[in-house]
Amino acid sequence: MHLSITLLLAVVVTFSGVGGSSAEAGWEEALDALVAAPDDANRASLIADVVDHAPSWQEVATRLRSTTFPPADPVGQAVLRTTVCIDTVERPRVLQIPPDYDPSVPTPLLVVLHGGVGTAEIYDDPLGSVSENEFGALALERGWISVFPFGQAGATWFDEVGMTNIRNLVRTVKRELNVDDDRVWMAGFSDGASAGFAHAMLAPSDYAAFVALNGHMGVASLDFDSPTYAPSMSATPIFATTTFDDWLYPSHKMRPTIEMAREAGADIYYRELPGEHDFDDVRDELPGIARFLERHPRDPFPSRIVWEAGSADFGECRWLAIDRITIDEPAPWHGDHNVVLTDDRVTIGFQPDYEFEGQGVLVGVLSDGDYPARNIGLRAGDVIVKADAARLDSLPDLNDWKGTVERGDAFEMTVLRDGGEIVLRGKLPEVAGYFIFKRDVPSAMVRADFAANRLEVAASRVGSFRFLVHPDMVVLDQNLIITVNGEVVFDELVKPDLQFMLKSYLANRDRKLLYVAEVVIELH
C-alpha cells in the first residue's frame, strides 16, 4: 500500500480554556458579522478578521453554539420568498414558521419536496399549493419549521441545480432561524419520495431521517445518471410506503427493491397499503410519520459508517469523505447490490402540464430517452385529445386508457397543434427488464468504525479519503490512530485549525458539527 498523509493545519491555535481568553477585544463582533453575512465574497476577509484576533477554538465554538436569533415574523403562516439558483434563474420557495416558534429554542425543520418535478413550468400558485399540503399542516401541528422548494425541468430534485437549491435553502433557513441541526428531515410523495431515497444515498449529512411515500429509489440513477448505492442508505433511516394499485410504483414491483436495499444494510421502515398513486391513500400514515421522525434525531457522530460512492461529489457522509476513486479490483466484500425489475408499465414518455385547465392533456416536457412520445413525433405544447378511440378530456382519462393497452401494442394519438388536429401513430415498446441502478462507473466503498481515538477503515477502490475531526469524537490531547485495511497510516496528535473550523461551519451552518480539523489520507 502506497500512501501519504496530509494534515490540514493552515492555522495552529493554541489550546486555552473557554473561560481564559487570549483573544484581543473585538473577535466576538467579527464572528457575529461573519455568521450574519450572506454567502458572498466578503467571507474570506471576515474569516481573516476573526482569526487575526486569535481567540481559542473553544471560545469560538461556544459562541457559535449560543448564536442568538431575532423574533420571526410572521409566524403561523406561509411566506412566499424567492431564491436565485446556480443557473441564475429565480425560483420561489415557501417558508412556514409554527405559531409557537421561540427563537431561543432550537426547532425541527422539515424540507418538503413536491411531486411532478419534471414539468416545464413551476407551480403558478406556490402559496396555494402549500396551504393544501399535508406535510405542511403536520409541521404546523407539531411545531416544526417547514420549507418548500419548487422545482421544474432543469432544476429537479435529482440534478445539480435542484439539489444545490435544496442544500442552500437549508443553510438559508439555518442562518435566519434557530434550527435544531439534529432534527432536520426531508419528506415527499412521488417524485418527492424518489428524491428522499436519492438524497439518502447521495447527500444525507444534513438529515436525521427521510420520508418517501410512493417513490422509486432508482429514479436518480435511471433518469439522471446519479451514482446511487443501496448500502449508503444504512446511514439515515427512511420511512417508506407503497400502495397495491399504484399505476406508477405498485407494491409488488417496489417490494424487491426494498428487500434488496435491506439486505445491503439500508435502514428502511416499510409499509404496503391499499390504494393508488394518490396522497389520499397514505394520509392516515401522517401521525405515525410524525412519531417516526421525532424518535429519529440525527446521530452526528455514529460509531460506524458504511458508504459507497461513484463520484467524489457525493463522497461525504457525516465525518468521512471519499475524495478519490480508483479503478482497482474491488475488495472481496465489496459486491454490487442491485435488482432487475420487469418494465411492463405503459409509459408514453412525457410530463403533462398539471396546471392545464382546458380539455385534453397538455404535453409539458418530453422525457429524455427512447420513449414512444419522441418516436411518434409528439411535441411539447401538443394537446392530446384522443388515444386510439378513447376521448381524453383530462389526465385521468389518459391513465384509464393506459390500463386498456399493453407493451408491444400499436397505438395512435390525436393531438391539437398549431390550430389543427393531427394523428400520430406508433408502437409501445416490448416488455423488458432493467436494473434499478445504472453501473456506468466504478465505485469506492468504506466500512469505517470509530472508538477510543481509533478509526479503523476497510477500504475498497479508495484512492484518498478525509476524516473530519470533532472534539466530541476525538480526544485532542491523545494521538488519533487511523488504520486502513489493517495497516496503521496515521498516529499523531491533531491540532485544531480555526480557519478550517470557520469555513466548515459556513459551508454547513451546522452548530452541532463544528469540525476543528481534517485528516487527509492518500492511499494510492
Protein backbone atom coordinates (compact mmCIF):
# COMPACT_ATOMS: atom_id res chain seq x y z
CA MET A 1 0.00 0.00 0.00
CA HIS A 2 1.48 3.35 -1.09
CA LEU A 3 0.21 6.22 0.97
CA SER A 4 0.88 9.75 2.02
CA ILE A 5 -0.79 11.72 4.75
CA THR A 6 -1.82 15.37 4.77
CA LEU A 7 -2.97 17.04 7.95
CA LEU A 8 -4.57 20.39 7.12
CA LEU A 9 -3.36 22.86 9.72
CA ALA A 10 -3.21 26.21 7.99
CA VAL A 11 -3.60 27.97 11.33
CA VAL A 12 -2.48 26.35 14.56
CA VAL A 13 -4.46 27.68 17.51
CA THR A 14 -3.09 27.03 20.96
CA PHE A 15 -5.34 25.35 23.49
CA SER A 16 -6.84 27.58 26.12
CA GLY A 17 -9.78 27.14 28.43
CA VAL A 18 -13.08 28.63 27.44
CA GLY A 19 -13.00 30.84 30.46
CA GLY A 20 -9.50 32.18 29.90
CA SER A 21 -9.41 34.01 26.58
CA SER A 22 -6.18 35.00 24.91
CA ALA A 23 -8.05 36.92 22.23
CA GLU A 24 -7.94 40.63 21.72
CA ALA A 25 -11.14 42.54 22.20
CA GLY A 26 -13.37 42.54 19.17
CA TRP A 27 -13.28 38.95 17.95
CA GLU A 28 -16.87 38.43 19.10
CA GLU A 29 -18.08 41.27 16.89
CA ALA A 30 -16.05 39.94 13.97
CA LEU A 31 -17.53 36.47 14.42
CA ASP A 32 -21.06 37.82 14.70
CA ALA A 33 -20.59 39.74 11.46
CA LEU A 34 -19.29 36.60 9.77
CA VAL A 35 -22.24 34.49 10.94
CA ALA A 36 -24.79 37.10 9.83
CA ALA A 37 -23.20 37.73 6.43
CA PRO A 38 -24.90 36.26 3.37
CA ASP A 39 -22.99 33.94 1.09
CA ASP A 40 -20.75 36.38 -0.72
CA ALA A 41 -17.13 37.27 -1.38
CA ASN A 42 -16.68 39.05 1.97
CA ARG A 43 -16.34 35.74 3.77
CA ALA A 44 -12.57 35.47 3.32
CA SER A 45 -11.91 38.87 4.86
CA LEU A 46 -14.38 38.24 7.68
CA ILE A 47 -12.74 34.89 8.47
CA ALA A 48 -9.33 36.56 8.45
CA ASP A 49 -10.65 39.23 10.81
CA VAL A 50 -11.74 36.61 13.34
CA VAL A 51 -8.51 34.60 13.00
CA ASP A 52 -6.36 37.72 13.37
CA HIS A 53 -7.91 38.34 16.80
CA ALA A 54 -6.68 34.86 17.81
CA PRO A 55 -9.49 33.59 20.02
CA SER A 56 -9.32 29.95 21.09
CA TRP A 57 -11.32 27.44 19.10
CA GLN A 58 -13.25 26.62 22.28
CA GLU A 59 -14.36 30.23 22.62
CA VAL A 60 -15.46 30.39 19.00
CA ALA A 61 -17.32 27.08 19.27
CA THR A 62 -19.12 28.25 22.40
CA ARG A 63 -20.22 31.48 20.74
CA LEU A 64 -21.39 29.71 17.58
CA ARG A 65 -23.44 27.25 19.61
CA SER A 66 -25.05 30.12 21.50
CA THR A 67 -25.93 32.20 18.44
CA THR A 68 -28.96 34.36 19.15
CA PHE A 69 -31.77 34.77 16.62
CA PRO A 70 -34.25 37.64 16.29
CA PRO A 71 -38.00 37.07 16.60
CA ALA A 72 -39.55 35.67 13.44
CA ASP A 73 -42.30 37.50 11.59
CA PRO A 74 -44.77 36.33 10.54
CA VAL A 75 -45.39 33.09 12.40
CA GLY A 76 -48.18 30.57 11.94
CA GLN A 77 -48.50 31.15 8.21
CA ALA A 78 -46.73 30.50 4.94
CA VAL A 79 -44.47 33.17 3.47
CA LEU A 80 -43.51 33.30 -0.20
CA ARG A 81 -39.90 34.17 -0.96
CA THR A 82 -37.56 33.62 -3.88
CA THR A 83 -34.06 32.32 -4.36
CA VAL A 84 -31.63 32.61 -7.25
CA CYS A 85 -30.40 29.15 -8.21
CA ILE A 86 -26.96 28.35 -9.61
CA ASP A 87 -28.40 28.52 -13.14
CA THR A 88 -29.21 32.23 -12.38
CA VAL A 89 -32.97 31.54 -12.52
CA GLU A 90 -35.03 32.98 -9.69
CA ARG A 91 -37.43 30.42 -8.24
CA PRO A 92 -39.98 30.56 -5.43
CA ARG A 93 -39.70 28.95 -2.02
CA VAL A 94 -42.22 28.94 0.78
CA LEU A 95 -41.33 29.07 4.46
CA GLN A 96 -43.70 28.16 7.29
CA ILE A 97 -42.87 29.06 10.89
CA PRO A 98 -45.04 27.50 13.61
CA PRO A 99 -47.13 29.89 15.74
CA ASP A 100 -45.31 28.91 18.94
CA TYR A 101 -41.81 29.35 17.49
CA ASP A 102 -39.37 30.59 20.15
CA PRO A 103 -36.11 31.99 18.71
CA SER A 104 -34.25 30.90 21.84
CA VAL A 105 -35.19 27.22 21.35
CA PRO A 106 -33.75 25.00 18.57
CA THR A 107 -36.69 23.92 16.40
CA PRO A 108 -37.01 20.95 14.00
CA LEU A 109 -37.02 21.67 10.26
CA LEU A 110 -38.97 19.67 7.65
CA VAL A 111 -37.93 20.01 3.99
CA VAL A 112 -40.94 19.15 1.82
CA LEU A 113 -40.46 18.19 -1.85
CA HIS A 114 -43.42 18.18 -4.23
CA GLY A 115 -44.18 15.60 -6.91
CA GLY A 116 -44.30 16.18 -10.65
CA VAL A 117 -40.95 17.96 -10.55
CA GLY A 118 -40.19 17.39 -14.24
CA THR A 119 -42.82 19.79 -15.61
CA ALA A 120 -41.66 22.73 -17.69
CA GLU A 121 -43.29 25.36 -15.51
CA ILE A 122 -43.16 25.94 -11.76
CA TYR A 123 -46.42 25.87 -9.84
CA ASP A 124 -48.21 29.15 -10.58
CA ASP A 125 -49.56 29.37 -7.00
CA PRO A 126 -46.84 28.19 -4.57
CA LEU A 127 -48.63 29.58 -1.51
CA GLY A 128 -51.88 27.91 -2.52
CA SER A 129 -50.16 24.55 -3.00
CA VAL A 130 -48.54 24.80 0.43
CA SER A 131 -51.83 25.69 2.09
CA GLU A 132 -53.17 22.33 0.86
CA ASN A 133 -50.03 20.35 1.65
CA GLU A 134 -50.48 17.67 4.30
CA PHE A 135 -46.82 17.73 5.32
CA GLY A 136 -47.06 21.47 5.90
CA ALA A 137 -50.13 21.00 8.08
CA LEU A 138 -48.32 18.30 10.03
CA ALA A 139 -45.33 20.59 10.59
CA LEU A 140 -47.54 23.37 11.94
CA GLU A 141 -49.36 20.93 14.20
CA ARG A 142 -46.09 19.55 15.63
CA GLY A 143 -44.38 22.92 16.00
CA TRP A 144 -41.78 22.36 13.25
CA ILE A 145 -40.43 24.86 10.76
CA SER A 146 -41.03 23.75 7.18
CA VAL A 147 -39.56 24.89 3.88
CA PHE A 148 -40.88 24.12 0.39
CA PRO A 149 -38.57 24.42 -2.62
CA PHE A 150 -40.17 24.49 -6.07
CA GLY A 151 -38.57 22.67 -8.97
CA GLN A 152 -39.07 22.15 -12.67
CA ALA A 153 -37.35 20.50 -15.63
CA GLY A 154 -33.70 21.52 -15.41
CA ALA A 155 -33.98 22.14 -11.69
CA THR A 156 -35.36 18.87 -10.37
CA TRP A 157 -34.66 17.18 -7.04
CA PHE A 158 -32.09 14.98 -8.77
CA ASP A 159 -29.89 17.31 -10.84
CA GLU A 160 -27.16 19.73 -9.80
CA VAL A 161 -29.36 22.84 -9.94
CA GLY A 162 -32.18 21.39 -7.87
CA MET A 163 -30.02 19.55 -5.35
CA THR A 164 -27.87 22.65 -4.78
CA ASN A 165 -31.02 24.71 -4.32
CA ILE A 166 -32.28 22.36 -1.60
CA ARG A 167 -28.91 22.39 0.14
CA ASN A 168 -28.68 26.18 0.02
CA LEU A 169 -32.24 26.63 1.30
CA VAL A 170 -31.47 24.50 4.36
CA ARG A 171 -28.49 26.75 5.07
CA THR A 172 -30.52 29.91 4.48
CA VAL A 173 -33.18 28.80 6.96
CA LYS A 174 -30.45 27.92 9.48
CA ARG A 175 -28.97 31.39 9.12
CA GLU A 176 -32.34 33.07 9.73
CA LEU A 177 -33.96 30.77 12.31
CA ASN A 178 -32.94 28.68 15.30
CA VAL A 179 -32.98 25.25 13.66
CA ASP A 180 -32.22 22.09 15.60
CA ASP A 181 -29.39 20.65 13.49
CA ASP A 182 -30.13 17.13 14.70
CA ARG A 183 -33.80 17.31 13.69
CA VAL A 184 -33.77 18.23 10.02
CA TRP A 185 -35.93 15.87 7.97
CA MET A 186 -36.92 15.53 4.30
CA ALA A 187 -40.33 14.29 3.15
CA GLY A 188 -42.10 13.88 -0.15
CA PHE A 189 -44.62 11.97 -2.23
CA SER A 190 -43.99 10.52 -5.73
CA ASP A 191 -41.02 12.48 -7.17
CA GLY A 192 -40.51 13.97 -3.73
CA ALA A 193 -40.29 10.45 -2.31
CA SER A 194 -37.88 9.29 -5.01
CA ALA A 195 -35.76 12.28 -4.05
CA GLY A 196 -35.76 11.16 -0.42
CA PHE A 197 -34.19 7.85 -1.46
CA ALA A 198 -31.72 9.71 -3.67
CA HIS A 199 -30.58 12.17 -1.01
CA ALA A 200 -30.20 9.31 1.47
CA MET A 201 -27.73 7.72 -0.96
CA LEU A 202 -26.01 10.90 -2.16
CA ALA A 203 -26.03 13.65 0.47
CA PRO A 204 -27.51 12.63 3.85
CA SER A 205 -25.29 14.57 6.26
CA ASP A 206 -27.83 17.35 6.91
CA TYR A 207 -30.66 14.96 7.67
CA ALA A 208 -31.86 12.86 10.56
CA ALA A 209 -34.44 10.87 8.55
CA PHE A 210 -36.29 10.74 5.24
CA VAL A 211 -39.94 10.10 4.37
CA ALA A 212 -40.52 8.52 0.95
CA LEU A 213 -44.20 7.92 0.15
CA ASN A 214 -44.85 6.06 -3.12
CA GLY A 215 -41.47 6.68 -4.70
CA HIS A 216 -38.84 4.69 -6.60
CA MET A 217 -35.28 4.51 -5.28
CA GLY A 218 -33.86 4.10 -8.80
CA VAL A 219 -35.09 7.37 -10.33
CA ALA A 220 -31.91 9.37 -9.66
CA SER A 221 -29.81 6.69 -11.34
CA LEU A 222 -32.13 5.71 -14.19
CA ASP A 223 -33.20 9.20 -15.25
CA PHE A 224 -30.31 11.39 -14.08
CA ASP A 225 -27.27 9.07 -14.13
CA SER A 226 -26.57 9.65 -10.44
CA PRO A 227 -24.23 7.12 -8.78
CA THR A 228 -26.55 5.65 -6.14
CA TYR A 229 -25.82 2.62 -3.95
CA ALA A 230 -28.11 0.82 -1.54
CA PRO A 231 -25.52 0.29 1.27
CA SER A 232 -25.36 4.07 1.71
CA MET A 233 -28.96 4.03 2.94
CA SER A 234 -27.63 2.48 6.15
CA ALA A 235 -26.54 5.95 7.26
CA THR A 236 -30.00 7.52 7.68
CA PRO A 237 -33.40 5.92 8.46
CA ILE A 238 -36.17 6.08 5.86
CA PHE A 239 -39.94 5.77 6.29
CA ALA A 240 -41.29 4.37 3.01
CA THR A 241 -44.69 3.35 1.69
CA THR A 242 -46.10 1.84 -1.47
CA THR A 243 -49.68 1.12 -2.43
CA PHE A 244 -51.05 -2.00 -4.08
CA ASP A 245 -52.68 -0.39 -7.12
CA ASP A 246 -50.26 2.48 -7.73
CA TRP A 247 -50.09 2.80 -11.53
CA LEU A 248 -46.51 4.10 -11.28
CA TYR A 249 -44.87 2.17 -8.45
CA PRO A 250 -47.15 -0.62 -7.21
CA SER A 251 -46.18 -2.58 -4.11
CA HIS A 252 -45.50 -5.84 -5.92
CA LYS A 253 -42.86 -4.13 -8.10
CA MET A 254 -41.27 -1.99 -5.42
CA ARG A 255 -41.09 -4.77 -2.80
CA PRO A 256 -37.99 -6.41 -4.38
CA THR A 257 -36.15 -3.07 -4.32
CA ILE A 258 -36.85 -2.63 -0.62
CA GLU A 259 -35.78 -6.21 0.11
CA MET A 260 -32.56 -5.75 -1.86
CA ALA A 261 -31.78 -2.49 -0.07
CA ARG A 262 -32.39 -4.01 3.35
CA GLU A 263 -30.07 -6.90 2.51
CA ALA A 264 -27.46 -4.25 1.66
CA GLY A 265 -27.90 -2.70 5.11
CA ALA A 266 -30.42 0.06 4.34
CA ASP A 267 -32.40 1.30 7.34
CA ILE A 268 -35.92 1.34 5.86
CA TYR A 269 -39.20 1.18 7.76
CA TYR A 270 -41.57 -0.01 5.03
CA ARG A 271 -45.36 -0.23 4.80
CA GLU A 272 -47.59 -1.54 2.00
CA LEU A 273 -51.09 -0.08 1.86
CA PRO A 274 -54.26 -0.37 -0.18
CA GLY A 275 -54.72 2.44 -2.69
CA GLU A 276 -53.42 4.06 -5.82
CA HIS A 277 -50.86 6.78 -6.65
CA ASP A 278 -52.73 9.31 -4.54
CA PHE A 279 -51.69 11.06 -1.36
CA ASP A 280 -55.19 10.48 -0.02
CA ASP A 281 -54.34 6.77 0.20
CA VAL A 282 -51.36 7.37 2.54
CA ARG A 283 -52.72 10.31 4.55
CA ASP A 284 -53.53 8.10 7.55
CA GLU A 285 -49.79 7.41 7.90
CA LEU A 286 -49.05 11.01 8.95
CA PRO A 287 -49.38 10.50 12.74
CA GLY A 288 -47.04 7.52 12.51
CA ILE A 289 -44.65 9.53 10.34
CA ALA A 290 -44.53 12.27 12.97
CA ARG A 291 -43.70 9.73 15.66
CA PHE A 292 -41.08 8.12 13.42
CA LEU A 293 -39.35 11.44 12.78
CA GLU A 294 -39.43 12.58 16.38
CA ARG A 295 -37.89 9.35 17.63
CA HIS A 296 -35.15 9.57 14.99
CA PRO A 297 -32.95 12.58 15.72
CA ARG A 298 -29.67 12.58 13.86
CA ASP A 299 -26.69 10.85 15.39
CA PRO A 300 -23.99 13.36 14.38
CA PHE A 301 -21.18 11.02 15.46
CA PRO A 302 -22.15 7.45 14.57
CA SER A 303 -19.54 4.93 15.62
CA ARG A 304 -19.85 3.16 12.24
CA ILE A 305 -20.23 4.50 8.71
CA VAL A 306 -20.74 2.35 5.62
CA TRP A 307 -20.58 4.48 2.49
CA GLU A 308 -20.31 3.76 -1.21
CA ALA A 309 -19.68 6.45 -3.81
CA GLY A 310 -19.22 6.56 -7.56
CA SER A 311 -18.20 10.22 -7.55
CA ALA A 312 -16.26 12.41 -5.15
CA ASP A 313 -19.11 14.93 -5.49
CA PHE A 314 -21.17 12.52 -3.39
CA GLY A 315 -18.39 11.08 -1.26
CA GLU A 316 -19.19 12.67 2.09
CA CYS A 317 -21.24 11.10 4.87
CA ARG A 318 -21.07 12.67 8.32
CA TRP A 319 -17.42 12.61 9.44
CA LEU A 320 -15.95 10.68 6.49
CA ALA A 321 -15.50 11.64 2.84
CA ILE A 322 -14.23 9.61 -0.12
CA ASP A 323 -12.26 12.04 -2.26
CA ARG A 324 -10.80 9.83 -4.97
CA ILE A 325 -11.91 6.56 -6.55
CA THR A 326 -9.55 4.11 -8.23
CA ILE A 327 -10.14 1.50 -10.92
CA ASP A 328 -8.58 -1.31 -8.88
CA GLU A 329 -10.34 -4.61 -8.39
CA PRO A 330 -12.90 -4.26 -5.60
CA ALA A 331 -12.31 -5.94 -2.26
CA PRO A 332 -13.97 -9.36 -1.86
CA TRP A 333 -16.55 -7.86 0.50
CA HIS A 334 -17.38 -5.04 -1.96
CA GLY A 335 -20.17 -6.53 -4.05
CA ASP A 336 -22.87 -4.80 -6.05
CA HIS A 337 -26.39 -4.56 -4.64
CA ASN A 338 -28.91 -4.24 -7.43
CA VAL A 339 -32.10 -5.86 -8.63
CA VAL A 340 -33.75 -6.44 -12.00
CA LEU A 341 -37.33 -5.27 -12.42
CA THR A 342 -39.68 -6.04 -15.27
CA ASP A 343 -40.72 -2.93 -17.13
CA ASP A 344 -44.22 -3.70 -18.37
CA ARG A 345 -45.61 -0.29 -17.50
CA VAL A 346 -47.20 1.69 -20.31
CA THR A 347 -45.20 4.91 -20.45
CA ILE A 348 -45.53 7.42 -23.26
CA GLY A 349 -42.54 9.49 -22.18
CA PHE A 350 -43.64 12.99 -21.32
CA GLN A 351 -44.54 15.10 -18.32
CA PRO A 352 -48.04 16.59 -18.57
CA ASP A 353 -48.73 20.17 -17.59
CA TYR A 354 -50.68 19.59 -14.38
CA GLU A 355 -51.90 23.20 -14.33
CA PHE A 356 -53.65 22.92 -17.71
CA GLU A 357 -57.39 23.53 -17.31
CA GLY A 358 -58.58 23.00 -20.85
CA GLN A 359 -59.92 19.83 -22.44
CA GLY A 360 -57.31 17.25 -23.20
CA VAL A 361 -53.81 16.61 -21.84
CA LEU A 362 -51.20 19.30 -22.44
CA VAL A 363 -47.70 17.95 -23.07
CA GLY A 364 -45.31 19.84 -20.80
CA VAL A 365 -41.87 18.38 -21.48
CA LEU A 366 -40.67 15.24 -23.25
CA SER A 367 -38.62 12.76 -21.27
CA ASP A 368 -35.07 12.07 -22.38
CA GLY A 369 -34.52 8.64 -23.88
CA ASP A 370 -36.07 6.22 -26.32
CA TYR A 371 -39.73 6.76 -25.47
CA PRO A 372 -42.84 6.45 -27.67
CA ALA A 373 -43.51 10.19 -27.33
CA ARG A 374 -40.33 11.06 -29.23
CA ASN A 375 -40.70 8.18 -31.66
CA ILE A 376 -44.16 9.26 -32.82
CA GLY A 377 -43.22 12.95 -33.02
CA LEU A 378 -45.12 14.26 -30.01
CA ARG A 379 -44.05 17.82 -29.10
CA ALA A 380 -44.15 19.99 -26.01
CA GLY A 381 -47.26 22.15 -26.31
CA ASP A 382 -49.34 19.48 -28.04
CA VAL A 383 -52.77 18.85 -26.53
CA ILE A 384 -53.71 15.17 -26.67
CA VAL A 385 -57.45 14.82 -27.18
CA LYS A 386 -57.74 11.15 -28.15
CA ALA A 387 -55.79 7.92 -27.61
CA ASP A 388 -56.91 5.24 -30.03
CA ALA A 389 -60.72 5.55 -29.85
CA ALA A 390 -60.75 6.91 -26.28
CA ARG A 391 -61.59 10.58 -25.87
CA LEU A 392 -59.24 12.34 -23.43
CA ASP A 393 -60.78 15.25 -21.58
CA SER A 394 -58.28 15.21 -18.70
CA LEU A 395 -55.25 13.40 -17.31
CA PRO A 396 -57.32 10.67 -15.55
CA ASP A 397 -58.71 9.72 -18.98
CA LEU A 398 -55.16 9.17 -20.24
CA ASN A 399 -54.40 6.97 -17.25
CA ASP A 400 -57.59 4.99 -17.87
CA TRP A 401 -56.58 4.42 -21.50
CA LYS A 402 -53.16 3.15 -20.41
CA GLY A 403 -54.98 0.43 -18.49
CA THR A 404 -56.52 -0.86 -21.74
CA VAL A 405 -53.26 -1.36 -23.68
CA GLU A 406 -50.14 -3.46 -23.17
CA ARG A 407 -46.47 -3.28 -24.08
CA GLY A 408 -45.95 -4.12 -27.74
CA ASP A 409 -49.36 -2.79 -28.86
CA ALA A 410 -49.72 -0.37 -31.76
CA PHE A 411 -51.44 2.88 -30.82
CA GLU A 412 -52.35 6.28 -32.14
CA MET A 413 -52.83 9.68 -30.56
CA THR A 414 -54.83 12.60 -31.84
CA VAL A 415 -53.35 15.97 -30.87
CA LEU A 416 -54.12 19.63 -31.35
CA ARG A 417 -51.14 21.51 -32.77
CA ASP A 418 -50.88 24.95 -34.40
CA GLY A 419 -54.63 25.27 -34.66
CA GLY A 420 -55.10 21.94 -36.36
CA GLU A 421 -55.67 18.30 -35.49
CA ILE A 422 -53.17 15.59 -36.42
CA VAL A 423 -52.87 11.87 -35.74
CA LEU A 424 -49.58 10.36 -34.55
CA ARG A 425 -49.04 6.61 -34.80
CA GLY A 426 -46.53 4.29 -33.19
CA LYS A 427 -45.93 1.19 -31.13
CA LEU A 428 -45.37 0.71 -27.43
CA PRO A 429 -42.04 -0.94 -26.55
CA GLU A 430 -41.93 -4.62 -25.70
CA VAL A 431 -41.72 -5.81 -22.10
CA ALA A 432 -38.11 -5.53 -20.86
CA GLY A 433 -36.07 -5.96 -17.73
CA TYR A 434 -33.88 -3.29 -16.18
CA PHE A 435 -31.53 -2.82 -13.24
CA ILE A 436 -32.78 -0.13 -10.89
CA PHE A 437 -29.25 1.27 -10.51
CA LYS A 438 -27.07 2.01 -13.53
CA ARG A 439 -23.47 0.91 -13.22
CA ASP A 440 -21.52 3.09 -15.65
CA VAL A 441 -18.63 3.98 -13.31
CA PRO A 442 -16.58 2.11 -10.69
CA SER A 443 -17.46 2.82 -7.08
CA ALA A 444 -15.40 3.07 -3.91
CA MET A 445 -16.64 1.78 -0.58
CA VAL A 446 -15.64 2.19 3.04
CA ARG A 447 -16.62 0.50 6.25
CA ALA A 448 -15.36 2.79 8.98
CA ASP A 449 -15.52 2.18 12.74
CA PHE A 450 -14.51 4.73 15.37
CA ALA A 451 -13.90 4.14 19.07
CA ALA A 452 -11.38 5.26 21.69
CA ASN A 453 -9.48 7.61 19.34
CA ARG A 454 -9.04 4.83 16.78
CA LEU A 455 -10.50 4.91 13.28
CA GLU A 456 -10.45 1.53 11.57
CA VAL A 457 -11.28 1.62 7.87
CA ALA A 458 -11.89 -1.21 5.44
CA ALA A 459 -11.44 0.46 2.03
CA SER A 460 -12.17 -0.76 -1.47
CA ARG A 461 -11.15 1.27 -4.56
CA VAL A 462 -10.45 4.28 -2.32
CA GLY A 463 -7.64 6.47 -3.57
CA SER A 464 -7.96 9.04 -0.79
CA PHE A 465 -10.36 9.95 1.98
CA ARG A 466 -10.81 12.56 4.69
CA PHE A 467 -11.65 12.17 8.35
CA LEU A 468 -13.38 15.22 9.85
CA VAL A 469 -12.23 15.80 13.41
CA HIS A 470 -14.73 16.86 16.07
CA PRO A 471 -13.73 17.25 19.74
CA ASP A 472 -16.81 15.31 20.83
CA MET A 473 -15.35 12.31 19.00
CA VAL A 474 -11.61 12.75 19.20
CA VAL A 475 -9.71 13.36 22.45
CA LEU A 476 -7.43 16.08 21.15
CA ASP A 477 -4.62 15.63 23.68
CA GLN A 478 -4.21 11.99 22.66
CA ASN A 479 -2.95 10.58 19.37
CA LEU A 480 -5.53 9.81 16.72
CA ILE A 481 -4.78 6.38 15.23
CA ILE A 482 -6.09 5.51 11.78
CA THR A 483 -5.76 2.07 10.24
CA VAL A 484 -6.71 1.18 6.69
CA ASN A 485 -7.16 -2.47 5.76
CA GLY A 486 -5.23 -3.44 8.88
CA GLU A 487 -2.26 -1.08 8.37
CA VAL A 488 -1.65 1.96 10.61
CA VAL A 489 -1.50 5.02 8.36
CA PHE A 490 -1.76 7.81 10.95
CA ASP A 491 -0.71 8.03 14.60
CA GLU A 492 -0.39 11.66 15.67
CA LEU A 493 -1.94 14.45 17.67
CA VAL A 494 -4.41 16.58 15.76
CA LYS A 495 -4.27 20.30 16.40
CA PRO A 496 -7.36 22.42 15.79
CA ASP A 497 -7.39 24.85 12.88
CA LEU A 498 -9.62 27.87 13.50
CA GLN A 499 -9.74 28.89 9.85
CA PHE A 500 -10.82 25.40 8.79
CA MET A 501 -13.42 25.34 11.55
CA LEU A 502 -14.98 28.61 10.37
CA LYS A 503 -15.00 27.60 6.70
CA SER A 504 -16.57 24.26 7.58
CA TYR A 505 -19.25 25.94 9.65
CA LEU A 506 -20.14 28.42 6.90
CA ALA A 507 -20.36 25.59 4.37
CA ASN A 508 -22.85 23.66 6.51
CA ARG A 509 -24.36 26.13 9.01
CA ASP A 510 -24.37 23.22 11.43
CA ARG A 511 -23.70 24.19 15.05
CA LYS A 512 -23.63 20.54 16.14
CA LEU A 513 -20.91 19.62 13.63
CA LEU A 514 -18.20 22.16 14.37
CA TYR A 515 -15.29 20.22 12.94
CA VAL A 516 -11.93 21.63 14.07
CA ALA A 517 -9.62 19.91 11.55
CA GLU A 518 -9.50 17.24 8.89
CA VAL A 519 -7.00 14.48 8.25
CA VAL A 520 -6.48 13.56 4.60
CA ILE A 521 -5.25 10.04 3.88
CA GLU A 522 -3.77 9.37 0.43
CA LEU A 523 -3.69 5.64 -0.32
CA HIS A 524 -2.63 5.49 -3.98
